[in-house]
Amino acid sequence: MDPLTHTATGIFLSRAGLNRWTPLALPVLVLAANAPDIDIVTLAGGPLNYLHYHRHLTHSLAAMPVMAILVVAFVRLAARRPVRWAGAFLAALLAVASHLLLDYTNEYGIRLLLPFSNSWQRLDLTSVVDLWIWTAILLAFAGPFLARLVTSEIRSGKPGGRHGRSFAWAALLFLLAYNGGRSVLHARAVATLDTRLYGGAEPLRVAALPSQNPLDWRGLVETGDFYAVEDVNLAGQFDPNTAHIFYKPEASPAMDTARATHTFRIFLGFSQFPLWRVTAVSDPPNGKQVDVFDLRFGTPSQPAFRASALVNASGKVVAADFQFRGQRASPKN
């Protein structure tokens, strides 16, 4: 999820009662709720480096206790005030867990089992930025202040008071209920996609990717010969015959050569629905341009993630790069 959601979750955990577990609970919880995203420092190595290390070891189950204790130690040293180490560690551990759980709901995915497995896990329930969650966050922050305007029972000057605790619990319960509801709708969308034929072909696998409208899903279907992309509206009829078809190319030496490059190895380790394209080019003479797109995020005409390679007539890669929404990285092959 986005930093706003993670930060708000840390604040709500504090207001919900974890602030009683230790002094300095609020900074511990806010920092721990964001701690796994420390991997943003890898962006200094370029977009491809960030693609490889984003949601990497810092987002794994094995690293959770390490991330938690580092946050507690940092807050203790920075504030120069004592903490209750057991309470602070448990609170930080819950906040780190909230980060992993929220990221797990996204279509981007998360590698929970590192360093033992590099496989991606994802629930495809929410987008990285979800406006319904943002609305709930806004209401949870505004609610205590509005309550103080219409009641006279809070005069202590403490921010939020018991109203803050109530709204914090409401926000946390909303997150659980919202994702629970989305999981039911997601299952329906997957079933709709999986029980249809596409040009007479049965699906090998399907994905229903979220939009801001919980009833609208972006359907992605893989068959033996092509991918089919079609929106699924759970309130309407679904017609698989209107899907956009993207045919898979036949295997070629140019694809095998591109696949062996560092750029393509990193990209294919990330991509869950890779679509290949091989195009003849005049420069280099009799060369081939090999592209691979992740269909979870756009199409060949509007790609978000793309790896490209130029292969010359001798079957050697002369250039390879990775692009993310216009940002390009051209590492060594």
Protein backbone atom coordinates (compact mmCIF):
# COMPACT_ATOMS: atom_id res chain seq x y z
CA MET A 1 0.00 0.00 0.00
CA ASP A 2 0.96 3.65 -0.06
CA PRO A 3 2.83 5.42 2.79
CA LEU A 4 -0.30 7.30 3.88
CA THR A 5 -2.17 4.07 4.56
CA HIS A 6 0.76 2.50 6.39
CA THR A 7 1.33 5.62 8.50
CA ALA A 8 -2.35 5.92 9.38
CA THR A 9 -2.44 2.24 10.35
CA GLY A 10 0.44 2.80 12.77
CA ILE A 11 -1.38 5.76 14.33
CA PHE A 12 -4.63 3.80 14.63
CA LEU A 13 -2.83 0.89 16.29
CA SER A 14 -1.43 3.34 18.83
CA ARG A 15 -4.81 4.95 19.52
CA ALA A 16 -6.53 1.58 19.70
CA GLY A 17 -4.57 0.72 22.83
CA LEU A 18 -1.02 -0.24 21.88
CA ASN A 19 0.15 3.12 23.25
CA ARG A 20 -0.26 1.55 26.68
CA TRP A 21 2.35 -1.09 25.98
CA THR A 22 5.36 1.20 26.16
CA PRO A 23 6.44 4.83 26.31
CA LEU A 24 7.13 6.28 22.84
CA ALA A 25 4.60 3.87 21.38
CA LEU A 26 3.41 6.29 18.69
CA PRO A 27 6.79 6.84 16.97
CA VAL A 28 7.58 3.14 17.34
CA LEU A 29 4.32 2.13 15.66
CA VAL A 30 4.45 4.72 12.89
CA LEU A 31 8.04 3.89 11.98
CA ALA A 32 7.49 0.14 12.21
CA ALA A 33 4.38 0.39 10.02
CA ASN A 34 6.59 1.96 7.33
CA ALA A 35 9.88 0.18 8.06
CA PRO A 36 9.74 -2.48 5.29
CA ASP A 37 9.69 0.31 2.68
CA ILE A 38 13.26 1.21 3.66
CA ASP A 39 14.05 -0.72 0.49
CA ILE A 40 13.33 2.52 -1.40
CA VAL A 41 17.05 3.27 -0.97
CA THR A 42 17.70 0.71 -3.71
CA LEU A 43 16.21 3.17 -6.19
CA ALA A 44 19.60 4.87 -6.11
CA GLY A 45 20.80 1.94 -8.23
CA GLY A 46 18.19 2.64 -10.91
CA PRO A 47 14.70 1.35 -11.75
CA LEU A 48 15.84 -2.21 -12.52
CA ASN A 49 17.69 -2.47 -9.22
CA TYR A 50 14.59 -1.18 -7.42
CA LEU A 51 12.37 -3.66 -9.27
CA HIS A 52 14.56 -6.48 -7.99
CA TYR A 53 14.85 -5.34 -4.36
CA HIS A 54 11.46 -3.69 -3.82
CA ARG A 55 9.32 -5.83 -1.52
CA HIS A 56 12.33 -8.06 -1.10
CA LEU A 57 13.84 -9.28 2.18
CA THR A 58 12.49 -6.35 4.23
CA HIS A 59 8.98 -7.55 3.35
CA SER A 60 9.54 -11.17 4.38
CA LEU A 61 8.28 -13.05 7.41
CA ALA A 62 11.83 -13.94 8.38
CA ALA A 63 12.83 -10.26 8.60
CA MET A 64 9.82 -9.15 10.68
CA PRO A 65 11.46 -9.47 14.12
CA VAL A 66 14.65 -7.83 12.82
CA MET A 67 12.74 -4.86 11.41
CA ALA A 68 10.79 -4.54 14.68
CA ILE A 69 13.79 -4.55 17.02
CA LEU A 70 15.73 -2.12 14.80
CA VAL A 71 12.85 0.36 14.96
CA VAL A 72 12.63 0.10 18.74
CA ALA A 73 16.38 0.58 19.09
CA PHE A 74 16.31 3.59 16.75
CA VAL A 75 13.47 5.30 18.65
CA ARG A 76 15.15 4.59 21.98
CA LEU A 77 18.44 6.11 20.84
CA ALA A 78 16.90 9.04 18.96
CA ALA A 79 14.52 10.04 21.78
CA ARG A 80 17.00 9.28 24.58
CA ARG A 81 14.10 8.08 26.68
CA PRO A 82 13.47 4.61 28.07
CA VAL A 83 11.02 2.15 26.56
CA ARG A 84 9.59 -1.10 27.82
CA TRP A 85 11.48 -3.35 25.48
CA ALA A 86 9.07 -6.29 25.50
CA GLY A 87 6.00 -4.12 24.93
CA ALA A 88 7.74 -1.94 22.36
CA PHE A 89 9.00 -4.98 20.44
CA LEU A 90 5.57 -6.64 20.34
CA ALA A 91 3.93 -3.39 19.25
CA ALA A 92 6.53 -2.88 16.52
CA LEU A 93 6.12 -6.49 15.40
CA LEU A 94 2.36 -5.98 14.97
CA ALA A 95 2.97 -2.78 13.00
CA VAL A 96 5.45 -4.49 10.67
CA ALA A 97 2.95 -7.33 10.24
CA SER A 98 0.27 -4.79 9.28
CA HIS A 99 2.56 -3.51 6.53
CA LEU A 100 3.11 -6.99 5.09
CA LEU A 101 -0.59 -7.82 5.30
CA LEU A 102 -1.64 -4.63 3.52
CA ASP A 103 0.95 -5.14 0.78
CA TYR A 104 -0.18 -8.76 0.43
CA THR A 105 -3.63 -7.54 -0.61
CA ASN A 106 -2.22 -5.72 -3.67
CA GLU A 107 -1.88 -6.98 -7.23
CA TYR A 108 1.84 -6.08 -7.12
CA GLY A 109 2.56 -8.93 -4.72
CA ILE A 110 5.03 -9.64 -1.95
CA ARG A 111 7.77 -12.22 -1.34
CA LEU A 112 6.87 -13.40 2.14
CA LEU A 113 9.05 -16.52 2.13
CA LEU A 114 12.44 -14.97 1.38
CA PRO A 115 15.23 -16.00 1.77
CA PHE A 116 13.92 -19.57 1.44
CA SER A 117 11.76 -18.95 -1.63
CA ASN A 118 11.75 -16.14 -4.16
CA SER A 119 8.13 -16.77 -5.17
CA TRP A 120 5.62 -13.93 -5.18
CA GLN A 121 2.34 -14.10 -3.24
CA ARG A 122 -0.56 -11.73 -3.83
CA LEU A 123 -4.30 -11.53 -3.15
CA ASP A 124 -5.25 -9.05 -5.92
CA LEU A 125 -7.84 -7.42 -3.65
CA THR A 126 -6.83 -3.75 -3.68
CA SER A 127 -4.76 -1.31 -5.69
CA VAL A 128 -1.63 0.18 -4.14
CA VAL A 129 -3.65 3.37 -3.65
CA ASP A 130 -7.27 2.71 -2.68
CA LEU A 131 -9.59 5.71 -2.44
CA TRP A 132 -12.10 3.90 -0.21
CA ILE A 133 -9.37 3.24 2.33
CA TRP A 134 -8.22 6.86 2.08
CA THR A 135 -11.79 7.99 2.75
CA ALA A 136 -12.00 5.78 5.84
CA ILE A 137 -8.66 7.19 7.04
CA LEU A 138 -9.90 10.75 6.59
CA LEU A 139 -13.08 10.04 8.52
CA ALA A 140 -11.14 8.32 11.31
CA PHE A 141 -8.90 11.36 11.72
CA ALA A 142 -11.67 13.94 11.37
CA GLY A 143 -14.14 12.08 13.59
CA PRO A 144 -12.51 12.76 16.98
CA PHE A 145 -12.17 16.46 16.29
CA LEU A 146 -15.76 16.74 15.12
CA ALA A 147 -16.88 14.82 18.19
CA ARG A 148 -15.06 17.28 20.44
CA LEU A 149 -16.91 20.15 18.80
CA VAL A 150 -20.33 18.73 19.58
CA THR A 151 -19.65 17.31 23.04
CA SER A 152 -18.22 18.88 26.14
CA GLU A 153 -17.05 15.75 27.91
CA ILE A 154 -13.43 15.91 26.69
CA ARG A 155 -11.56 18.78 28.32
CA SER A 156 -8.22 17.18 28.99
CA GLY A 157 -6.60 18.47 25.82
CA LYS A 158 -5.39 15.00 24.87
CA PRO A 159 -5.61 14.51 21.12
CA GLY A 160 -8.37 12.18 20.16
CA GLY A 161 -9.34 11.03 23.70
CA ARG A 162 -11.75 8.13 23.92
CA HIS A 163 -13.29 9.29 20.63
CA GLY A 164 -9.90 8.83 18.98
CA ARG A 165 -9.76 5.28 20.29
CA SER A 166 -13.24 4.50 19.00
CA PHE A 167 -12.53 5.89 15.55
CA ALA A 168 -9.18 4.11 15.43
CA TRP A 169 -10.88 0.80 16.15
CA ALA A 170 -13.51 1.63 13.54
CA ALA A 171 -10.82 2.29 10.93
CA LEU A 172 -8.94 -0.92 11.71
CA LEU A 173 -12.14 -2.96 11.61
CA PHE A 174 -13.07 -1.27 8.33
CA LEU A 175 -9.77 -2.42 6.80
CA LEU A 176 -10.55 -6.01 7.81
CA ALA A 177 -14.17 -5.87 6.66
CA TYR A 178 -13.35 -4.06 3.43
CA ASN A 179 -10.71 -6.57 2.39
CA GLY A 180 -12.95 -9.41 3.49
CA GLY A 181 -15.74 -8.09 1.28
CA ARG A 182 -13.36 -7.57 -1.61
CA SER A 183 -12.13 -11.14 -1.27
CA VAL A 184 -15.69 -12.40 -1.77
CA LEU A 185 -16.14 -10.21 -4.84
CA HIS A 186 -12.72 -11.21 -6.14
CA ALA A 187 -13.63 -14.89 -5.88
CA ARG A 188 -16.78 -14.23 -7.91
CA ALA A 189 -14.80 -12.41 -10.58
CA VAL A 190 -12.24 -15.24 -10.79
CA ALA A 191 -15.03 -17.81 -11.08
CA THR A 192 -16.65 -15.78 -13.86
CA LEU A 193 -13.38 -15.72 -15.82
CA ASP A 194 -12.48 -19.34 -15.16
CA THR A 195 -15.78 -20.84 -16.34
CA ARG A 196 -15.76 -19.36 -19.85
CA LEU A 197 -14.20 -20.32 -23.18
CA TYR A 198 -12.16 -17.76 -25.09
CA GLY A 199 -12.15 -18.35 -28.83
CA GLY A 200 -12.94 -21.99 -28.05
CA ALA A 201 -9.92 -22.27 -25.73
CA GLU A 202 -10.06 -23.12 -22.03
CA PRO A 203 -8.16 -20.91 -19.56
CA LEU A 204 -4.89 -22.20 -18.17
CA ARG A 205 -5.02 -19.60 -15.41
CA VAL A 206 -6.90 -16.39 -14.71
CA ALA A 207 -6.50 -13.27 -12.61
CA ALA A 208 -9.03 -10.65 -11.53
CA LEU A 209 -7.22 -7.39 -10.84
CA PRO A 210 -8.76 -4.64 -8.69
CA SER A 211 -10.04 -1.21 -9.62
CA GLN A 212 -11.38 1.55 -7.38
CA ASN A 213 -14.90 0.20 -7.89
CA PRO A 214 -15.22 -3.07 -5.91
CA LEU A 215 -17.66 -4.38 -8.55
CA ASP A 216 -15.27 -3.78 -11.46
CA TRP A 217 -12.29 -6.07 -12.06
CA ARG A 218 -9.76 -6.29 -14.85
CA GLY A 219 -9.90 -9.84 -16.12
CA LEU A 220 -6.71 -11.47 -17.34
CA VAL A 221 -6.88 -14.93 -18.89
CA GLU A 222 -4.02 -17.06 -20.19
CA THR A 223 -4.60 -19.86 -22.71
CA GLY A 224 -2.08 -21.97 -24.57
CA ASP A 225 -1.84 -19.53 -27.50
CA PHE A 226 -2.85 -16.11 -26.21
CA TYR A 227 -3.85 -13.83 -23.38
CA ALA A 228 -7.37 -12.40 -23.18
CA VAL A 229 -8.01 -9.14 -21.33
CA GLU A 230 -11.55 -8.08 -20.51
CA ASP A 231 -13.23 -6.09 -17.75
CA VAL A 232 -15.59 -7.93 -15.43
CA ASN A 233 -18.50 -6.01 -13.92
CA LEU A 234 -20.18 -8.14 -11.29
CA ALA A 235 -23.36 -6.12 -11.61
CA GLY A 236 -23.67 -6.85 -15.34
CA GLN A 237 -23.17 -9.54 -17.95
CA PHE A 238 -19.77 -10.85 -18.96
CA ASP A 239 -19.07 -11.61 -22.62
CA PRO A 240 -15.74 -13.37 -23.23
CA ASN A 241 -16.10 -12.77 -26.98
CA THR A 242 -15.37 -9.06 -26.52
CA ALA A 243 -12.02 -9.65 -24.82
CA HIS A 244 -8.85 -8.10 -26.23
CA ILE A 245 -6.62 -10.90 -27.52
CA PHE A 246 -2.82 -10.78 -27.35
CA TYR A 247 -1.22 -13.74 -29.11
CA LYS A 248 1.94 -15.34 -27.80
CA PRO A 249 4.79 -15.49 -30.32
CA GLU A 250 6.44 -18.76 -31.22
CA ALA A 251 9.69 -19.47 -29.42
CA SER A 252 12.71 -18.04 -31.21
CA PRO A 253 16.49 -17.83 -30.73
CA ALA A 254 16.15 -14.07 -30.22
CA MET A 255 13.83 -14.65 -27.25
CA ASP A 256 16.22 -17.21 -25.76
CA THR A 257 19.12 -14.79 -26.15
CA ALA A 258 17.20 -11.93 -24.50
CA ARG A 259 16.02 -14.23 -21.71
CA ALA A 260 19.61 -14.89 -20.72
CA THR A 261 20.43 -11.21 -20.07
CA HIS A 262 20.53 -9.77 -16.56
CA THR A 263 17.72 -7.34 -17.44
CA PHE A 264 15.33 -10.06 -18.58
CA ARG A 265 16.21 -12.41 -15.71
CA ILE A 266 15.29 -9.71 -13.19
CA PHE A 267 12.14 -8.72 -15.06
CA LEU A 268 10.91 -12.28 -15.57
CA GLY A 269 11.48 -12.96 -11.88
CA PHE A 270 8.97 -10.20 -11.19
CA SER A 271 6.47 -10.58 -14.04
CA GLN A 272 3.52 -12.89 -13.40
CA PHE A 273 1.86 -12.60 -16.82
CA PRO A 274 4.69 -11.95 -19.32
CA LEU A 275 3.72 -11.21 -22.92
CA TRP A 276 6.56 -11.41 -25.46
CA ARG A 277 6.90 -9.50 -28.71
CA VAL A 278 9.58 -10.02 -31.38
CA THR A 279 9.88 -7.38 -34.11
CA ALA A 280 12.25 -7.14 -37.06
CA VAL A 281 14.35 -3.94 -37.08
CA SER A 282 16.74 -2.36 -39.57
CA ASP A 283 19.20 -1.14 -36.94
CA PRO A 284 21.15 -3.28 -36.32
CA PRO A 285 20.80 -4.78 -39.84
CA ASN A 286 18.59 -7.87 -39.86
CA GLY A 287 18.19 -7.49 -36.14
CA LYS A 288 15.32 -8.24 -33.79
CA GLN A 289 13.77 -6.20 -31.01
CA VAL A 290 12.53 -8.39 -28.20
CA ASP A 291 10.05 -6.92 -25.71
CA VAL A 292 8.31 -8.49 -22.75
CA PHE A 293 5.45 -6.82 -20.87
CA ASP A 294 3.71 -7.65 -17.61
CA LEU A 295 0.03 -7.66 -18.55
CA ARG A 296 -1.03 -7.05 -14.96
CA PHE A 297 0.02 -3.44 -15.49
CA GLY A 298 -1.09 -2.24 -18.90
CA THR A 299 -0.85 -3.55 -22.45
CA PRO A 300 1.76 -3.36 -25.22
CA SER A 301 0.22 -0.07 -26.39
CA GLN A 302 0.22 1.36 -22.85
CA PRO A 303 2.84 -0.56 -20.88
CA ALA A 304 3.84 0.14 -17.30
CA PHE A 305 6.58 -2.49 -16.96
CA ARG A 306 8.63 -3.48 -20.02
CA ALA A 307 11.99 -5.09 -20.69
CA SER A 308 13.53 -4.71 -24.15
CA ALA A 309 16.56 -6.05 -25.98
CA LEU A 310 18.10 -5.53 -29.41
CA VAL A 311 19.53 -8.71 -30.90
CA ASN A 312 21.80 -8.47 -33.95
CA ALA A 313 21.96 -10.85 -36.91
CA SER A 314 24.66 -12.86 -35.14
CA GLY A 315 22.32 -13.58 -32.26
CA LYS A 316 24.02 -11.29 -29.74
CA VAL A 317 22.33 -8.69 -27.56
CA VAL A 318 23.67 -5.24 -28.39
CA ALA A 319 21.42 -3.33 -25.95
CA ALA A 320 18.96 -4.17 -23.19
CA ASP A 321 16.92 -1.94 -20.93
CA PHE A 322 14.01 -1.86 -18.53
CA GLN A 323 11.31 0.81 -18.52
CA PHE A 324 8.79 1.67 -15.84
CA ARG A 325 6.28 4.32 -16.90
CA GLY A 326 8.90 6.15 -18.95
CA GLN A 327 11.80 5.64 -16.56
CA ARG A 328 14.54 3.74 -18.30
CA ALA A 329 17.43 1.69 -16.98
CA SER A 330 20.12 0.40 -19.34
CA PRO A 331 22.26 -1.91 -17.22
CA LYS A 332 24.98 -4.19 -18.39
CA ASN A 333 23.68 -7.41 -19.86
